[in-house]
Amino acid sequence: KARFTLDPSAHPGAIDYVNLEGSNAGKSQAGI
């Protein structure tokens, strides 16, 4: 469960998470 932002202008599109629950709560993750 994460709050996310999308950047469709990046190629490929960028997605960033801030985890809301679990062992990674509070940690950020970067993706495409």
All heavy atoms as atom14 arrays in JSON, in Angstrom:
{
  "sequence": "KARFTLDPSAHPGAIDYVNLEGSNAGKSQAGI",
  "atom14_mask": [
    [1, 1, 1, 1, 1, 1, 1, 1, 1, 0, 0, 0, 0, 0],
    [1, 1, 1, 1, 1, 0, 0, 0, 0, 0, 0, 0, 0, 0],
    [1, 1, 1, 1, 1, 1, 1, 1, 1, 1, 1, 0, 0, 0],
    [1, 1, 1, 1, 1, 1, 1, 1, 1, 1, 1, 0, 0, 0],
    [1, 1, 1, 1, 1, 1, 1, 0, 0, 0, 0, 0, 0, 0],
    [1, 1, 1, 1, 1, 1, 1, 1, 0, 0, 0, 0, 0, 0],
    [1, 1, 1, 1, 1, 1, 1, 1, 0, 0, 0, 0, 0, 0],
    [1, 1, 1, 1, 1, 1, 1, 0, 0, 0, 0, 0, 0, 0],
    [1, 1, 1, 1, 1, 1, 0, 0, 0, 0, 0, 0, 0, 0],
    [1, 1, 1, 1, 1, 0, 0, 0, 0, 0, 0, 0, 0, 0],
    [1, 1, 1, 1, 1, 1, 1, 1, 1, 1, 0, 0, 0, 0],
    [1, 1, 1, 1, 1, 1, 1, 0, 0, 0, 0, 0, 0, 0],
    [1, 1, 1, 1, 0, 0, 0, 0, 0, 0, 0, 0, 0, 0],
    [1, 1, 1, 1, 1, 0, 0, 0, 0, 0, 0, 0, 0, 0],
    [1, 1, 1, 1, 1, 1, 1, 1, 0, 0, 0, 0, 0, 0],
    [1, 1, 1, 1, 1, 1, 1, 1, 0, 0, 0, 0, 0, 0],
    [1, 1, 1, 1, 1, 1, 1, 1, 1, 1, 1, 1, 0, 0],
    [1, 1, 1, 1, 1, 1, 1, 0, 0, 0, 0, 0, 0, 0],
    [1, 1, 1, 1, 1, 1, 1, 1, 0, 0, 0, 0, 0, 0],
    [1, 1, 1, 1, 1, 1, 1, 1, 0, 0, 0, 0, 0, 0],
    [1, 1, 1, 1, 1, 1, 1, 1, 1, 0, 0, 0, 0, 0],
    [1, 1, 1, 1, 0, 0, 0, 0, 0, 0, 0, 0, 0, 0],
    [1, 1, 1, 1, 1, 1, 0, 0, 0, 0, 0, 0, 0, 0],
    [1, 1, 1, 1, 1, 1, 1, 1, 0, 0, 0, 0, 0, 0],
    [1, 1, 1, 1, 1, 0, 0, 0, 0, 0, 0, 0, 0, 0],
    [1, 1, 1, 1, 0, 0, 0, 0, 0, 0, 0, 0, 0, 0],
    [1, 1, 1, 1, 1, 1, 1, 1, 1, 0, 0, 0, 0, 0],
    [1, 1, 1, 1, 1, 1, 0, 0, 0, 0, 0, 0, 0, 0],
    [1, 1, 1, 1, 1, 1, 1, 1, 1, 0, 0, 0, 0, 0],
    [1, 1, 1, 1, 1, 0, 0, 0, 0, 0, 0, 0, 0, 0],
    [1, 1, 1, 1, 0, 0, 0, 0, 0, 0, 0, 0, 0, 0],
    [1, 1, 1, 1, 1, 1, 1, 1, 0, 0, 0, 0, 0, 0]
  ],
  "atom14_positions": [
    [[0.88, -1.16, 0.0], [0.0, 0.0, 0.0], [0.92, 1.21, 0.0], [1.78, 1.34, 0.88], [-0.93, 0.01, 1.21], [-1.97, 1.13, 1.12], [-3.02, 1.0, 2.22], [-4.08, 2.07, 2.07], [-5.05, 1.99, 3.17], [0.0, 0.0, 0.0], [0.0, 0.0, 0.0], [0.0, 0.0, 0.0], [0.0, 0.0, 0.0], [0.0, 0.0, 0.0]],
    [[0.77, 2.05, -1.02], [1.69, 3.17, -1.17], [0.98, 4.37, -1.77], [0.05, 4.24, -2.56], [2.86, 2.77, -2.08], [0.0, 0.0, 0.0], [0.0, 0.0, 0.0], [0.0, 0.0, 0.0], [0.0, 0.0, 0.0], [0.0, 0.0, 0.0], [0.0, 0.0, 0.0], [0.0, 0.0, 0.0], [0.0, 0.0, 0.0], [0.0, 0.0, 0.0]],
    [[1.46, 5.55, -1.37], [1.07, 6.79, -2.05], [2.06, 6.93, -3.21], [3.23, 6.61, -3.07], [1.18, 7.96, -1.07], [0.77, 9.28, -1.68], [0.35, 10.29, -0.6], [-1.08, 10.08, -0.32], [-1.6, 9.82, 0.86], [-0.88, 9.76, 1.92], [-2.91, 9.63, 1.01], [0.0, 0.0, 0.0], [0.0, 0.0, 0.0], [0.0, 0.0, 0.0]],
    [[1.57, 7.36, -4.37], [2.44, 7.4, -5.53], [2.29, 8.68, -6.32], [1.29, 9.39, -6.2], [2.18, 6.2, -6.46], [0.85, 6.26, -7.15], [0.74, 6.81, -8.42], [-0.3, 5.79, -6.54], [-0.49, 6.9, -9.06], [-1.53, 5.87, -7.17], [-1.63, 6.43, -8.43], [0.0, 0.0, 0.0], [0.0, 0.0, 0.0], [0.0, 0.0, 0.0]],
    [[3.31, 8.97, -7.12], [3.25, 10.04, -8.11], [3.69, 9.46, -9.44], [4.52, 8.53, -9.48], [4.16, 11.23, -7.74], [5.49, 10.75, -7.56], [3.67, 11.92, -6.47], [0.0, 0.0, 0.0], [0.0, 0.0, 0.0], [0.0, 0.0, 0.0], [0.0, 0.0, 0.0], [0.0, 0.0, 0.0], [0.0, 0.0, 0.0], [0.0, 0.0, 0.0]],
    [[3.11, 9.98, -10.5], [3.46, 9.56, -11.87], [4.09, 10.74, -12.6], [3.65, 11.87, -12.44], [2.2, 9.14, -12.65], [1.39, 7.97, -12.11], [0.15, 7.77, -12.98], [2.22, 6.7, -12.06], [0.0, 0.0, 0.0], [0.0, 0.0, 0.0], [0.0, 0.0, 0.0], [0.0, 0.0, 0.0], [0.0, 0.0, 0.0], [0.0, 0.0, 0.0]],
    [[5.1, 10.45, -13.41], [5.67, 11.45, -14.31], [5.62, 10.89, -15.73], [6.53, 10.2, -16.17], [7.11, 11.79, -13.92], [7.72, 12.82, -14.87], [7.05, 13.27, -15.82], [8.9, 13.16, -14.66], [0.0, 0.0, 0.0], [0.0, 0.0, 0.0], [0.0, 0.0, 0.0], [0.0, 0.0, 0.0], [0.0, 0.0, 0.0], [0.0, 0.0, 0.0]],
    [[4.5, 11.17, -16.45], [4.35, 10.61, -17.79], [5.28, 11.27, -18.81], [5.43, 10.76, -19.91], [2.88, 10.88, -18.13], [2.45, 11.99, -17.24], [3.33, 11.92, -16.0], [0.0, 0.0, 0.0], [0.0, 0.0, 0.0], [0.0, 0.0, 0.0], [0.0, 0.0, 0.0], [0.0, 0.0, 0.0], [0.0, 0.0, 0.0], [0.0, 0.0, 0.0]],
    [[5.95, 12.37, -18.44], [6.84, 13.03, -19.39], [8.19, 12.3, -19.5], [8.92, 12.51, -20.46], [7.06, 14.49, -19.0], [7.81, 14.57, -17.81], [0.0, 0.0, 0.0], [0.0, 0.0, 0.0], [0.0, 0.0, 0.0], [0.0, 0.0, 0.0], [0.0, 0.0, 0.0], [0.0, 0.0, 0.0], [0.0, 0.0, 0.0], [0.0, 0.0, 0.0]],
    [[8.52, 11.46, -18.52], [9.76, 10.68, -18.58], [9.56, 9.53, -19.57], [8.43, 9.13, -19.85], [10.1, 10.15, -17.19], [0.0, 0.0, 0.0], [0.0, 0.0, 0.0], [0.0, 0.0, 0.0], [0.0, 0.0, 0.0], [0.0, 0.0, 0.0], [0.0, 0.0, 0.0], [0.0, 0.0, 0.0], [0.0, 0.0, 0.0], [0.0, 0.0, 0.0]],
    [[10.66, 9.0, -20.09], [10.58, 7.85, -21.02], [11.52, 6.77, -20.57], [12.73, 6.95, -20.64], [10.92, 8.3, -22.45], [9.9, 9.25, -23.0], [8.67, 8.84, -23.44], [9.93, 10.59, -23.13], [7.99, 9.91, -23.85], [8.72, 10.97, -23.66], [0.0, 0.0, 0.0], [0.0, 0.0, 0.0], [0.0, 0.0, 0.0], [0.0, 0.0, 0.0]],
    [[11.02, 5.59, -20.09], [9.58, 5.34, -19.84], [9.08, 6.21, -18.69], [9.87, 6.85, -18.0], [9.55, 3.86, -19.48], [10.92, 3.54, -18.98], [11.86, 4.47, -19.69], [0.0, 0.0, 0.0], [0.0, 0.0, 0.0], [0.0, 0.0, 0.0], [0.0, 0.0, 0.0], [0.0, 0.0, 0.0], [0.0, 0.0, 0.0], [0.0, 0.0, 0.0]],
    [[7.74, 6.2, -18.51], [7.13, 6.98, -17.43], [7.73, 6.61, -16.09], [8.09, 5.46, -15.85], [0.0, 0.0, 0.0], [0.0, 0.0, 0.0], [0.0, 0.0, 0.0], [0.0, 0.0, 0.0], [0.0, 0.0, 0.0], [0.0, 0.0, 0.0], [0.0, 0.0, 0.0], [0.0, 0.0, 0.0], [0.0, 0.0, 0.0], [0.0, 0.0, 0.0]],
    [[7.84, 7.6, -15.2], [8.4, 7.37, -13.87], [7.26, 7.27, -12.86], [6.28, 8.0, -12.94], [9.35, 8.5, -13.49], [0.0, 0.0, 0.0], [0.0, 0.0, 0.0], [0.0, 0.0, 0.0], [0.0, 0.0, 0.0], [0.0, 0.0, 0.0], [0.0, 0.0, 0.0], [0.0, 0.0, 0.0], [0.0, 0.0, 0.0], [0.0, 0.0, 0.0]],
    [[7.41, 6.33, -11.92], [6.47, 6.2, -10.81], [7.29, 6.14, -9.53], [8.35, 5.5, -9.49], [5.55, 4.96, -10.98], [4.52, 4.85, -9.84], [6.35, 3.67, -11.14], [3.41, 3.84, -10.09], [0.0, 0.0, 0.0], [0.0, 0.0, 0.0], [0.0, 0.0, 0.0], [0.0, 0.0, 0.0], [0.0, 0.0, 0.0], [0.0, 0.0, 0.0]],
    [[6.83, 6.86, -8.52], [7.51, 6.88, -7.23], [6.5, 6.51, -6.14], [5.38, 7.03, -6.14], [8.1, 8.26, -6.95], [9.26, 8.56, -7.88], [10.32, 7.93, -7.71], [9.1, 9.39, -8.79], [0.0, 0.0, 0.0], [0.0, 0.0, 0.0], [0.0, 0.0, 0.0], [0.0, 0.0, 0.0], [0.0, 0.0, 0.0], [0.0, 0.0, 0.0]],
    [[6.92, 5.6, -5.25], [6.09, 5.18, -4.13], [6.65, 5.74, -2.84], [7.87, 5.84, -2.68], [6.15, 3.66, -3.94], [5.44, 2.78, -4.91], [5.67, 1.4, -4.88], [4.53, 3.27, -5.85], [5.02, 0.54, -5.74], [3.88, 2.41, -6.71], [4.12, 1.05, -6.66], [3.49, 0.19, -7.52], [0.0, 0.0, 0.0], [0.0, 0.0, 0.0]],
    [[5.75, 6.03, -1.9], [6.1, 6.12, -0.48], [5.22, 5.07, 0.19], [3.99, 5.17, 0.17], [5.84, 7.52, 0.11], [6.1, 7.51, 1.62], [6.72, 8.56, -0.57], [0.0, 0.0, 0.0], [0.0, 0.0, 0.0], [0.0, 0.0, 0.0], [0.0, 0.0, 0.0], [0.0, 0.0, 0.0], [0.0, 0.0, 0.0], [0.0, 0.0, 0.0]],
    [[5.85, 4.03, 0.73], [5.12, 2.92, 1.32], [4.39, 3.37, 2.58], [4.95, 4.07, 3.42], [6.08, 1.77, 1.62], [6.55, 1.09, 0.35], [5.83, 0.3, -0.23], [7.75, 1.43, -0.1], [0.0, 0.0, 0.0], [0.0, 0.0, 0.0], [0.0, 0.0, 0.0], [0.0, 0.0, 0.0], [0.0, 0.0, 0.0], [0.0, 0.0, 0.0]],
    [[3.13, 2.95, 2.7], [2.27, 3.34, 3.82], [2.14, 2.25, 4.88], [1.74, 2.51, 6.0], [0.87, 3.71, 3.3], [0.82, 4.88, 2.31], [-0.58, 5.04, 1.76], [1.31, 6.16, 2.95], [0.0, 0.0, 0.0], [0.0, 0.0, 0.0], [0.0, 0.0, 0.0], [0.0, 0.0, 0.0], [0.0, 0.0, 0.0], [0.0, 0.0, 0.0]],
    [[2.45, 1.0, 4.5], [2.25, -0.13, 5.41], [3.37, -1.13, 5.24], [4.11, -1.09, 4.27], [0.93, -0.86, 5.09], [-0.31, -0.09, 5.42], [-1.6, -0.89, 5.13], [-1.52, -2.07, 4.76], [-2.67, -0.31, 5.28], [0.0, 0.0, 0.0], [0.0, 0.0, 0.0], [0.0, 0.0, 0.0], [0.0, 0.0, 0.0], [0.0, 0.0, 0.0]],
    [[3.45, -2.06, 6.2], [4.36, -3.19, 6.07], [5.8, -2.87, 6.43], [6.11, -1.82, 6.99], [0.0, 0.0, 0.0], [0.0, 0.0, 0.0], [0.0, 0.0, 0.0], [0.0, 0.0, 0.0], [0.0, 0.0, 0.0], [0.0, 0.0, 0.0], [0.0, 0.0, 0.0], [0.0, 0.0, 0.0], [0.0, 0.0, 0.0], [0.0, 0.0, 0.0]],
    [[6.71, -3.8, 6.09], [8.11, -3.69, 6.49], [8.81, -2.49, 5.86], [9.81, -2.01, 6.37], [8.86, -4.98, 6.14], [8.77, -5.23, 4.75], [0.0, 0.0, 0.0], [0.0, 0.0, 0.0], [0.0, 0.0, 0.0], [0.0, 0.0, 0.0], [0.0, 0.0, 0.0], [0.0, 0.0, 0.0], [0.0, 0.0, 0.0], [0.0, 0.0, 0.0]],
    [[8.27, -1.98, 4.73], [8.87, -0.83, 4.07], [8.14, 0.49, 4.36], [8.36, 1.48, 3.66], [8.93, -1.05, 2.56], [9.94, -2.13, 2.19], [10.98, -2.24, 2.81], [9.61, -2.93, 1.19], [0.0, 0.0, 0.0], [0.0, 0.0, 0.0], [0.0, 0.0, 0.0], [0.0, 0.0, 0.0], [0.0, 0.0, 0.0], [0.0, 0.0, 0.0]],
    [[7.26, 0.51, 5.37], [6.49, 1.72, 5.68], [7.41, 2.92, 5.83], [8.43, 2.84, 6.51], [5.65, 1.51, 6.94], [0.0, 0.0, 0.0], [0.0, 0.0, 0.0], [0.0, 0.0, 0.0], [0.0, 0.0, 0.0], [0.0, 0.0, 0.0], [0.0, 0.0, 0.0], [0.0, 0.0, 0.0], [0.0, 0.0, 0.0], [0.0, 0.0, 0.0]],
    [[7.05, 4.02, 5.15], [7.83, 5.24, 5.22], [8.97, 5.31, 4.22], [9.55, 6.36, 4.02], [0.0, 0.0, 0.0], [0.0, 0.0, 0.0], [0.0, 0.0, 0.0], [0.0, 0.0, 0.0], [0.0, 0.0, 0.0], [0.0, 0.0, 0.0], [0.0, 0.0, 0.0], [0.0, 0.0, 0.0], [0.0, 0.0, 0.0], [0.0, 0.0, 0.0]],
    [[9.3, 4.18, 3.58], [10.4, 4.15, 2.62], [9.91, 4.49, 1.22], [8.79, 4.14, 0.84], [11.08, 2.78, 2.61], [11.76, 2.44, 3.92], [12.45, 1.1, 3.83], [13.1, 0.73, 5.16], [13.57, -0.65, 5.17], [0.0, 0.0, 0.0], [0.0, 0.0, 0.0], [0.0, 0.0, 0.0], [0.0, 0.0, 0.0], [0.0, 0.0, 0.0]],
    [[10.78, 5.14, 0.46], [10.47, 5.48, -0.93], [11.0, 4.41, -1.87], [12.0, 3.75, -1.56], [11.12, 6.81, -1.3], [10.59, 7.84, -0.49], [0.0, 0.0, 0.0], [0.0, 0.0, 0.0], [0.0, 0.0, 0.0], [0.0, 0.0, 0.0], [0.0, 0.0, 0.0], [0.0, 0.0, 0.0], [0.0, 0.0, 0.0], [0.0, 0.0, 0.0]],
    [[10.32, 4.25, -3.0], [10.77, 3.35, -4.06], [10.59, 4.05, -5.39], [9.58, 4.73, -5.59], [9.95, 2.06, -4.07], [10.31, 1.08, -2.99], [9.44, -0.16, -3.06], [8.42, -0.22, -2.39], [9.82, -1.11, -3.87], [0.0, 0.0, 0.0], [0.0, 0.0, 0.0], [0.0, 0.0, 0.0], [0.0, 0.0, 0.0], [0.0, 0.0, 0.0]],
    [[11.56, 3.86, -6.29], [11.52, 4.46, -7.62], [11.26, 3.38, -8.65], [11.79, 2.27, -8.55], [12.85, 5.16, -7.92], [0.0, 0.0, 0.0], [0.0, 0.0, 0.0], [0.0, 0.0, 0.0], [0.0, 0.0, 0.0], [0.0, 0.0, 0.0], [0.0, 0.0, 0.0], [0.0, 0.0, 0.0], [0.0, 0.0, 0.0], [0.0, 0.0, 0.0]],
    [[10.43, 3.72, -9.65], [10.12, 2.73, -10.67], [9.79, 3.39, -11.99], [9.86, 4.61, -12.15], [0.0, 0.0, 0.0], [0.0, 0.0, 0.0], [0.0, 0.0, 0.0], [0.0, 0.0, 0.0], [0.0, 0.0, 0.0], [0.0, 0.0, 0.0], [0.0, 0.0, 0.0], [0.0, 0.0, 0.0], [0.0, 0.0, 0.0], [0.0, 0.0, 0.0]],
    [[9.45, 2.53, -12.94], [9.01, 2.96, -14.26], [7.7, 2.26, -14.58], [7.39, 1.21, -14.01], [10.07, 2.64, -15.36], [10.47, 1.16, -15.35], [11.29, 3.55, -15.18], [11.44, 0.74, -16.46], [0.0, 0.0, 0.0], [0.0, 0.0, 0.0], [0.0, 0.0, 0.0], [0.0, 0.0, 0.0], [0.0, 0.0, 0.0], [0.0, 0.0, 0.0]]
  ]
}
